Amino acid sequence: MSAMHQELAEVLQTLPDEQRERAAGRDFWLGHWRGHEVVAVLSRIGKVAAATTATALIERFGVTEIVFTGVAGGLGEGVAVGDVVLARSFVQHDMDASPLFPRYEVPLYGRTHFDTDAALTERLRAAAAQVLAHPADALGEAAVSEFALHAPRVHEGLIASGDRFVATSAESQALRQSLPDALAVEMEGAAVAQVCHDYGVPLAALRTISDRADDSAHVDFTRFIDQVASRYSAASLDRFFELL
């Protein structure tokens, strides 16, 4: 499951027998990856779109695990462009039903954070770590040099999600102050995590850091997704399915 067209295209290249099925206004691609049955889909951007997609995967296609890949803005200290963040939990940074409920708490759930599945995440971490240990194998020497990806790292922890593209220093600093444990920010993961919590479906999520979520970004976003993030994701998923 991805939010960007470029990432889904890279994934579909690894599914030689994919078949398209239309549901909920989306194209779902059914196929096999290293012998495992897979459904690949573009979630679209934002929490509602992601929640709709996750629900369709579970209700319509009966998936037993969900893996989300994509890009995110870095928030945590030392989380650099080209690094990867594995979500251990998600929070909606724009959830605020106060004074009825504490800030960030999802009403009637009694919680602010939704965890990913520990075992599934560990397998994805191992796969991503192997890919990042030799980034040129997945990206090529030219991309490694262009984006200075000589020592990319895997981080694990909290990711914040919200229906707002965080792209200024003021916004990112505000998030760091209010959610000091957040390593990255994006627009879908917390919604998928809540759906998976409701259905009891394991979730793992991998996010490649494309920028620092502020106005100092210097990376060509579209080129970064094409040359780095999509290839990281496809290579990590390939290792993930190989390790299953």
C-alpha atoms as a PDB file:
ATOM      1  CA  MET A   1       0.000   0.000   0.000  1.00  0.00           C
ATOM      2  CA  SER A   2       1.473   3.344  -1.108  1.00  0.00           C
ATOM      3  CA  ALA A   3       0.222   6.902  -1.489  1.00  0.00           C
ATOM      4  CA  MET A   4       2.363   7.872  -4.494  1.00  0.00           C
ATOM      5  CA  HIS A   5       1.991   6.671  -8.096  1.00  0.00           C
ATOM      6  CA  GLN A   6       5.736   6.284  -8.595  1.00  0.00           C
ATOM      7  CA  GLU A   7       6.056   3.849  -5.699  1.00  0.00           C
ATOM      8  CA  LEU A   8       3.192   1.680  -6.814  1.00  0.00           C
ATOM      9  CA  ALA A   9       4.627   1.511 -10.341  1.00  0.00           C
ATOM     10  CA  GLU A  10       7.951   0.282  -8.953  1.00  0.00           C
ATOM     11  CA  VAL A  11       6.170  -2.367  -6.889  1.00  0.00           C
ATOM     12  CA  LEU A  12       4.032  -3.571  -9.798  1.00  0.00           C
ATOM     13  CA  GLN A  13       7.163  -4.283 -11.794  1.00  0.00           C
ATOM     14  CA  THR A  14       7.900  -7.103  -9.361  1.00  0.00           C
ATOM     15  CA  LEU A  15       4.471  -8.743  -9.789  1.00  0.00           C
ATOM     16  CA  PRO A  16       4.665 -10.591 -13.112  1.00  0.00           C
ATOM     17  CA  ASP A  17       1.150 -12.039 -12.821  1.00  0.00           C
ATOM     18  CA  GLU A  18      -0.748  -9.031 -11.475  1.00  0.00           C
ATOM     19  CA  GLN A  19      -4.441  -8.762 -12.268  1.00  0.00           C
ATOM     20  CA  ARG A  20      -6.430  -5.571 -11.757  1.00  0.00           C
ATOM     21  CA  GLU A  21      -9.660  -5.453  -9.818  1.00  0.00           C
ATOM     22  CA  ARG A  22     -11.661  -2.267  -9.307  1.00  0.00           C
ATOM     23  CA  ALA A  23     -13.212  -1.513  -5.907  1.00  0.00           C
ATOM     24  CA  ALA A  24     -14.034   1.614  -3.889  1.00  0.00           C
ATOM     25  CA  GLY A  25     -12.976   3.752  -6.852  1.00  0.00           C
ATOM     26  CA  ARG A  26      -9.462   2.268  -6.795  1.00  0.00           C
ATOM     27  CA  ASP A  27      -7.421  -0.220  -8.756  1.00  0.00           C
ATOM     28  CA  PHE A  28      -6.236  -3.168  -6.684  1.00  0.00           C
ATOM     29  CA  TRP A  29      -3.538  -5.348  -8.207  1.00  0.00           C
ATOM     30  CA  LEU A  30      -3.530  -9.025  -7.230  1.00  0.00           C
ATOM     31  CA  GLY A  31      -0.418 -11.089  -7.798  1.00  0.00           C
ATOM     32  CA  HIS A  32       2.433 -12.999  -6.206  1.00  0.00           C
ATOM     33  CA  TRP A  33       5.746 -11.863  -4.769  1.00  0.00           C
ATOM     34  CA  ARG A  34       8.311 -14.577  -4.103  1.00  0.00           C
ATOM     35  CA  GLY A  35       5.468 -17.076  -3.845  1.00  0.00           C
ATOM     36  CA  HIS A  36       3.327 -14.995  -1.469  1.00  0.00           C
ATOM     37  CA  GLU A  37      -0.134 -13.723  -2.442  1.00  0.00           C
ATOM     38  CA  VAL A  38      -0.091  -9.935  -2.580  1.00  0.00           C
ATOM     39  CA  VAL A  39      -2.595  -7.136  -3.169  1.00  0.00           C
ATOM     40  CA  ALA A  40      -0.998  -3.821  -4.181  1.00  0.00           C
ATOM     41  CA  VAL A  41      -2.943  -0.565  -4.168  1.00  0.00           C
ATOM     42  CA  LEU A  42      -2.537   3.197  -4.358  1.00  0.00           C
ATOM     43  CA  SER A  43      -4.178   4.601  -1.244  1.00  0.00           C
ATOM     44  CA  ARG A  44      -4.129   8.213  -2.466  1.00  0.00           C
ATOM     45  CA  ILE A  45      -3.099  11.010  -0.142  1.00  0.00           C
ATOM     46  CA  GLY A  46      -4.628  11.862   3.230  1.00  0.00           C
ATOM     47  CA  LYS A  47      -6.120  10.065   6.195  1.00  0.00           C
ATOM     48  CA  VAL A  48      -9.629   9.480   4.841  1.00  0.00           C
ATOM     49  CA  ALA A  49      -8.370   8.061   1.549  1.00  0.00           C
ATOM     50  CA  ALA A  50      -5.920   5.825   3.398  1.00  0.00           C
ATOM     51  CA  ALA A  51      -8.595   4.570   5.807  1.00  0.00           C
ATOM     52  CA  THR A  52     -10.959   3.780   2.921  1.00  0.00           C
ATOM     53  CA  THR A  53      -8.211   1.841   1.161  1.00  0.00           C
ATOM     54  CA  ALA A  54      -7.219  -0.127   4.253  1.00  0.00           C
ATOM     55  CA  THR A  55     -10.851  -1.033   4.932  1.00  0.00           C
ATOM     56  CA  ALA A  56     -11.318  -2.234   1.348  1.00  0.00           C
ATOM     57  CA  LEU A  57      -8.171  -4.352   1.578  1.00  0.00           C
ATOM     58  CA  ILE A  58      -9.535  -6.068   4.676  1.00  0.00           C
ATOM     59  CA  GLU A  59     -13.235  -6.309   3.823  1.00  0.00           C
ATOM     60  CA  ARG A  60     -13.049  -6.942   0.073  1.00  0.00           C
ATOM     61  CA  PHE A  61      -9.784  -8.806  -0.325  1.00  0.00           C
ATOM     62  CA  GLY A  62      -9.378 -10.442   3.071  1.00  0.00           C
ATOM     63  CA  VAL A  63      -5.765  -9.408   3.571  1.00  0.00           C
ATOM     64  CA  THR A  64      -4.184 -10.722   6.759  1.00  0.00           C
ATOM     65  CA  GLU A  65      -1.344  -8.174   6.991  1.00  0.00           C
ATOM     66  CA  ILE A  66      -0.798  -4.656   5.654  1.00  0.00           C
ATOM     67  CA  VAL A  67       2.548  -3.064   4.798  1.00  0.00           C
ATOM     68  CA  PHE A  68       2.577   0.650   3.974  1.00  0.00           C
ATOM     69  CA  THR A  69       5.517   2.297   2.221  1.00  0.00           C
ATOM     70  CA  GLY A  70       6.032   5.920   1.304  1.00  0.00           C
ATOM     71  CA  VAL A  71       7.902   9.134   2.053  1.00  0.00           C
ATOM     72  CA  ALA A  72       7.835  11.425   5.065  1.00  0.00           C
ATOM     73  CA  GLY A  73       9.363  14.590   6.438  1.00  0.00           C
ATOM     74  CA  GLY A  74      11.997  14.153   9.109  1.00  0.00           C
ATOM     75  CA  LEU A  75      11.387  15.594  12.570  1.00  0.00           C
ATOM     76  CA  GLY A  76      13.611  13.742  15.005  1.00  0.00           C
ATOM     77  CA  GLU A  77      17.200  14.728  15.683  1.00  0.00           C
ATOM     78  CA  GLY A  78      19.521  12.853  13.364  1.00  0.00           C
ATOM     79  CA  VAL A  79      16.743  11.750  11.003  1.00  0.00           C
ATOM     80  CA  ALA A  80      18.252  12.786   7.680  1.00  0.00           C
ATOM     81  CA  VAL A  81      17.161  12.842   4.059  1.00  0.00           C
ATOM     82  CA  GLY A  82      17.642   9.340   2.657  1.00  0.00           C
ATOM     83  CA  ASP A  83      17.163   7.626   6.016  1.00  0.00           C
ATOM     84  CA  VAL A  84      14.259   5.268   6.651  1.00  0.00           C
ATOM     85  CA  VAL A  85      11.825   5.379   9.575  1.00  0.00           C
ATOM     86  CA  LEU A  86      10.000   2.240  10.689  1.00  0.00           C
ATOM     87  CA  ALA A  87       6.851   3.120  12.609  1.00  0.00           C
ATOM     88  CA  ARG A  88       6.440   1.544  16.025  1.00  0.00           C
ATOM     89  CA  SER A  89       3.366   3.697  16.635  1.00  0.00           C
ATOM     90  CA  PHE A  90       1.330   6.497  15.063  1.00  0.00           C
ATOM     91  CA  VAL A  91      -0.407   9.606  16.370  1.00  0.00           C
ATOM     92  CA  GLN A  92      -2.706  12.070  14.594  1.00  0.00           C
ATOM     93  CA  HIS A  93      -1.030  15.417  15.111  1.00  0.00           C
ATOM     94  CA  ASP A  94      -4.181  17.257  13.982  1.00  0.00           C
ATOM     95  CA  MET A  95      -6.576  15.389  16.290  1.00  0.00           C
ATOM     96  CA  ASP A  96      -7.915  17.803  18.905  1.00  0.00           C
ATOM     97  CA  ALA A  97     -11.350  17.186  20.414  1.00  0.00           C
ATOM     98  CA  SER A  98     -10.577  19.227  23.533  1.00  0.00           C
ATOM     99  CA  PRO A  99     -12.009  20.077  25.962  1.00  0.00           C
ATOM    100  CA  LEU A 100     -14.135  16.945  25.613  1.00  0.00           C
ATOM    101  CA  PHE A 101     -11.033  14.776  25.233  1.00  0.00           C
ATOM    102  CA  PRO A 102      -7.319  15.415  25.732  1.00  0.00           C
ATOM    103  CA  ARG A 103      -5.426  16.708  22.725  1.00  0.00           C
ATOM    104  CA  TYR A 104      -4.362  13.902  20.324  1.00  0.00           C
ATOM    105  CA  GLU A 105      -6.701  11.377  21.971  1.00  0.00           C
ATOM    106  CA  VAL A 106      -9.015   9.701  19.460  1.00  0.00           C
ATOM    107  CA  PRO A 107     -12.535  10.093  20.883  1.00  0.00           C
ATOM    108  CA  LEU A 108     -14.029   6.959  22.453  1.00  0.00           C
ATOM    109  CA  TYR A 109     -10.800   4.979  22.046  1.00  0.00           C
ATOM    110  CA  GLY A 110      -9.087   6.233  25.191  1.00  0.00           C
ATOM    111  CA  ARG A 111      -5.732   6.436  23.403  1.00  0.00           C
ATOM    112  CA  THR A 112      -3.570   8.802  21.442  1.00  0.00           C
ATOM    113  CA  HIS A 113      -1.231   6.260  19.850  1.00  0.00           C
ATOM    114  CA  PHE A 114      -1.903   3.225  17.666  1.00  0.00           C
ATOM    115  CA  ASP A 115       0.892   0.672  17.549  1.00  0.00           C
ATOM    116  CA  THR A 116       2.162  -1.272  14.586  1.00  0.00           C
ATOM    117  CA  ASP A 117       2.676  -5.022  14.848  1.00  0.00           C
ATOM    118  CA  ALA A 118       5.994  -5.820  16.541  1.00  0.00           C
ATOM    119  CA  ALA A 119       6.798  -9.050  14.675  1.00  0.00           C
ATOM    120  CA  LEU A 120       5.835  -7.734  11.244  1.00  0.00           C
ATOM    121  CA  THR A 121       7.761  -4.524  11.847  1.00  0.00           C
ATOM    122  CA  GLU A 122      10.839  -6.444  12.930  1.00  0.00           C
ATOM    123  CA  ARG A 123      10.832  -8.416   9.683  1.00  0.00           C
ATOM    124  CA  LEU A 124      10.480  -5.201   7.702  1.00  0.00           C
ATOM    125  CA  ARG A 125      13.271  -3.586   9.744  1.00  0.00           C
ATOM    126  CA  ALA A 126      15.617  -6.479   8.999  1.00  0.00           C
ATOM    127  CA  ALA A 127      14.818  -6.215   5.297  1.00  0.00           C
ATOM    128  CA  ALA A 128      15.294  -2.433   5.189  1.00  0.00           C
ATOM    129  CA  ALA A 129      18.555  -2.652   7.126  1.00  0.00           C
ATOM    130  CA  GLN A 130      19.967  -5.065   4.566  1.00  0.00           C
ATOM    131  CA  VAL A 131      19.012  -2.723   1.726  1.00  0.00           C
ATOM    132  CA  LEU A 132      20.433   0.388   3.398  1.00  0.00           C
ATOM    133  CA  ALA A 133      23.689  -1.411   4.187  1.00  0.00           C
ATOM    134  CA  HIS A 134      24.431  -1.343   0.443  1.00  0.00           C
ATOM    135  CA  PRO A 135      22.280   1.459  -1.018  1.00  0.00           C
ATOM    136  CA  ALA A 136      24.009   1.410  -4.402  1.00  0.00           C
ATOM    137  CA  ASP A 137      22.716  -2.106  -5.032  1.00  0.00           C
ATOM    138  CA  ALA A 138      19.130  -0.799  -4.962  1.00  0.00           C
ATOM    139  CA  LEU A 139      19.634   2.747  -6.248  1.00  0.00           C
ATOM    140  CA  GLY A 140      22.748   2.710  -8.408  1.00  0.00           C
ATOM    141  CA  GLU A 141      25.910   4.705  -7.822  1.00  0.00           C
ATOM    142  CA  ALA A 142      24.559   7.798  -9.590  1.00  0.00           C
ATOM    143  CA  ALA A 143      21.612   8.222  -7.197  1.00  0.00           C
ATOM    144  CA  VAL A 144      23.773   7.533  -4.153  1.00  0.00           C
ATOM    145  CA  SER A 145      26.149  10.267  -5.268  1.00  0.00           C
ATOM    146  CA  GLU A 146      23.457  12.759  -6.317  1.00  0.00           C
ATOM    147  CA  PHE A 147      21.588  12.563  -3.007  1.00  0.00           C
ATOM    148  CA  ALA A 148      24.664  11.912  -0.825  1.00  0.00           C
ATOM    149  CA  LEU A 149      23.289   8.643   0.520  1.00  0.00           C
ATOM    150  CA  HIS A 150      26.561   7.128   1.658  1.00  0.00           C
ATOM    151  CA  ALA A 151      25.503   6.118   5.173  1.00  0.00           C
ATOM    152  CA  PRO A 152      21.670   5.946   5.370  1.00  0.00           C
ATOM    153  CA  ARG A 153      20.200   4.766   8.670  1.00  0.00           C
ATOM    154  CA  VAL A 154      17.095   2.952   9.860  1.00  0.00           C
ATOM    155  CA  HIS A 155      15.203   4.653  12.704  1.00  0.00           C
ATOM    156  CA  GLU A 156      12.312   3.191  14.692  1.00  0.00           C
ATOM    157  CA  GLY A 157       9.646   4.972  16.699  1.00  0.00           C
ATOM    158  CA  LEU A 158       6.704   7.354  16.531  1.00  0.00           C
ATOM    159  CA  ILE A 159       5.378   8.840  13.290  1.00  0.00           C
ATOM    160  CA  ALA A 160       2.869  11.698  13.288  1.00  0.00           C
ATOM    161  CA  SER A 161       0.125  11.873  10.654  1.00  0.00           C
ATOM    162  CA  GLY A 162      -2.185  14.699   9.661  1.00  0.00           C
ATOM    163  CA  ASP A 163      -4.162  16.163   6.796  1.00  0.00           C
ATOM    164  CA  ARG A 164      -1.668  18.943   6.252  1.00  0.00           C
ATOM    165  CA  PHE A 165       1.561  18.933   4.283  1.00  0.00           C
ATOM    166  CA  VAL A 166       4.156  20.190   6.761  1.00  0.00           C
ATOM    167  CA  ALA A 167       6.632  22.271   4.785  1.00  0.00           C
ATOM    168  CA  THR A 168       7.724  25.232   6.921  1.00  0.00           C
ATOM    169  CA  SER A 169      10.214  25.562   9.747  1.00  0.00           C
ATOM    170  CA  ALA A 170       7.520  27.039  11.993  1.00  0.00           C
ATOM    171  CA  GLU A 171       5.217  24.051  11.532  1.00  0.00           C
ATOM    172  CA  SER A 172       7.938  21.465  11.998  1.00  0.00           C
ATOM    173  CA  GLN A 173       9.253  23.225  15.098  1.00  0.00           C
ATOM    174  CA  ALA A 174       5.758  23.323  16.578  1.00  0.00           C
ATOM    175  CA  LEU A 175       5.440  19.582  16.023  1.00  0.00           C
ATOM    176  CA  ARG A 176       8.800  18.938  17.668  1.00  0.00           C
ATOM    177  CA  GLN A 177       7.687  20.894  20.710  1.00  0.00           C
ATOM    178  CA  SER A 178       4.267  19.265  21.037  1.00  0.00           C
ATOM    179  CA  LEU A 179       5.355  15.745  20.011  1.00  0.00           C
ATOM    180  CA  PRO A 180       9.033  15.523  20.966  1.00  0.00           C
ATOM    181  CA  ASP A 181       9.184  11.757  20.360  1.00  0.00           C
ATOM    182  CA  ALA A 182       7.972  11.976  16.746  1.00  0.00           C
ATOM    183  CA  LEU A 183      10.647  10.971  14.253  1.00  0.00           C
ATOM    184  CA  ALA A 184       8.736  11.889  11.082  1.00  0.00           C
ATOM    185  CA  VAL A 185       5.524  13.394   9.763  1.00  0.00           C
ATOM    186  CA  GLU A 186       3.278  12.252   6.898  1.00  0.00           C
ATOM    187  CA  MET A 187      -0.404  12.150   5.929  1.00  0.00           C
ATOM    188  CA  GLU A 188      -1.758   8.575   6.063  1.00  0.00           C
ATOM    189  CA  GLY A 189      -0.218   6.180   8.575  1.00  0.00           C
ATOM    190  CA  ALA A 190      -2.226   6.934  11.707  1.00  0.00           C
ATOM    191  CA  ALA A 191      -5.491   6.379   9.850  1.00  0.00           C
ATOM    192  CA  VAL A 192      -4.316   3.002   8.528  1.00  0.00           C
ATOM    193  CA  ALA A 193      -3.123   2.077  12.019  1.00  0.00           C
ATOM    194  CA  GLN A 194      -6.544   2.878  13.497  1.00  0.00           C
ATOM    195  CA  VAL A 195      -8.314   0.746  10.878  1.00  0.00           C
ATOM    196  CA  CYS A 196      -5.896  -2.125  11.497  1.00  0.00           C
ATOM    197  CA  HIS A 197      -6.502  -1.774  15.235  1.00  0.00           C
ATOM    198  CA  ASP A 198     -10.259  -1.994  14.682  1.00  0.00           C
ATOM    199  CA  TYR A 199      -9.963  -5.152  12.581  1.00  0.00           C
ATOM    200  CA  GLY A 200      -7.082  -6.774  14.440  1.00  0.00           C
ATOM    201  CA  VAL A 201      -4.911  -6.808  11.293  1.00  0.00           C
ATOM    202  CA  PRO A 202      -1.110  -6.530  11.740  1.00  0.00           C
ATOM    203  CA  LEU A 203       0.471  -3.410  10.236  1.00  0.00           C
ATOM    204  CA  ALA A 204       4.027  -2.410   9.398  1.00  0.00           C
ATOM    205  CA  ALA A 205       5.015   0.910   7.840  1.00  0.00           C
ATOM    206  CA  LEU A 206       8.243   2.084   6.226  1.00  0.00           C
ATOM    207  CA  ARG A 207       8.842   5.741   5.370  1.00  0.00           C
ATOM    208  CA  THR A 208      11.807   7.144   3.466  1.00  0.00           C
ATOM    209  CA  ILE A 209      12.777  10.646   4.591  1.00  0.00           C
ATOM    210  CA  SER A 210      12.527  12.989   1.599  1.00  0.00           C
ATOM    211  CA  ASP A 211      13.005  16.288   3.465  1.00  0.00           C
ATOM    212  CA  ARG A 212      13.164  17.807   6.917  1.00  0.00           C
ATOM    213  CA  ALA A 213       9.541  19.057   6.811  1.00  0.00           C
ATOM    214  CA  ASP A 214      10.661  22.675   6.687  1.00  0.00           C
ATOM    215  CA  ASP A 215      11.422  25.431   4.205  1.00  0.00           C
ATOM    216  CA  SER A 216      15.105  24.532   3.982  1.00  0.00           C
ATOM    217  CA  ALA A 217      14.484  21.461   1.812  1.00  0.00           C
ATOM    218  CA  HIS A 218      16.764  21.304  -1.192  1.00  0.00           C
ATOM    219  CA  VAL A 219      15.883  17.903  -2.658  1.00  0.00           C
ATOM    220  CA  ASP A 220      13.939  17.577  -5.929  1.00  0.00           C
ATOM    221  CA  PHE A 221      10.914  15.808  -4.417  1.00  0.00           C
ATOM    222  CA  THR A 222       9.662  14.041  -7.557  1.00  0.00           C
ATOM    223  CA  ARG A 223      13.129  12.927  -8.594  1.00  0.00           C
ATOM    224  CA  PHE A 224      13.848  11.720  -5.058  1.00  0.00           C
ATOM    225  CA  ILE A 225      10.755   9.512  -5.087  1.00  0.00           C
ATOM    226  CA  ASP A 226      11.641   8.111  -8.508  1.00  0.00           C
ATOM    227  CA  GLN A 227      15.329   7.537  -7.844  1.00  0.00           C
ATOM    228  CA  VAL A 228      15.406   6.762  -4.122  1.00  0.00           C
ATOM    229  CA  ALA A 229      12.186   6.226  -2.157  1.00  0.00           C
ATOM    230  CA  SER A 230      10.420   3.971  -4.658  1.00  0.00           C
ATOM    231  CA  ARG A 231      13.536   1.833  -5.109  1.00  0.00           C
ATOM    232  CA  TYR A 232      14.158   1.606  -1.368  1.00  0.00           C
ATOM    233  CA  SER A 233      10.585   0.425  -0.916  1.00  0.00           C
ATOM    234  CA  ALA A 234      10.650  -2.163  -3.699  1.00  0.00           C
ATOM    235  CA  ALA A 235      14.023  -3.544  -2.605  1.00  0.00           C
ATOM    236  CA  SER A 236      12.998  -3.656   1.066  1.00  0.00           C
ATOM    237  CA  LEU A 237       9.737  -5.410   0.230  1.00  0.00           C
ATOM    238  CA  ASP A 238      11.592  -7.904  -1.952  1.00  0.00           C
ATOM    239  CA  ARG A 239      13.873  -8.780   0.962  1.00  0.00           C
ATOM    240  CA  PHE A 240      10.849  -8.797   3.296  1.00  0.00           C
ATOM    241  CA  PHE A 241       9.057 -11.426   1.227  1.00  0.00           C
ATOM    242  CA  GLU A 242      12.265 -13.375   0.799  1.00  0.00           C
ATOM    243  CA  LEU A 243      12.635 -13.523   4.583  1.00  0.00           C
ATOM    244  CA  LEU A 244       9.081 -14.765   5.179  1.00  0.00           C
END
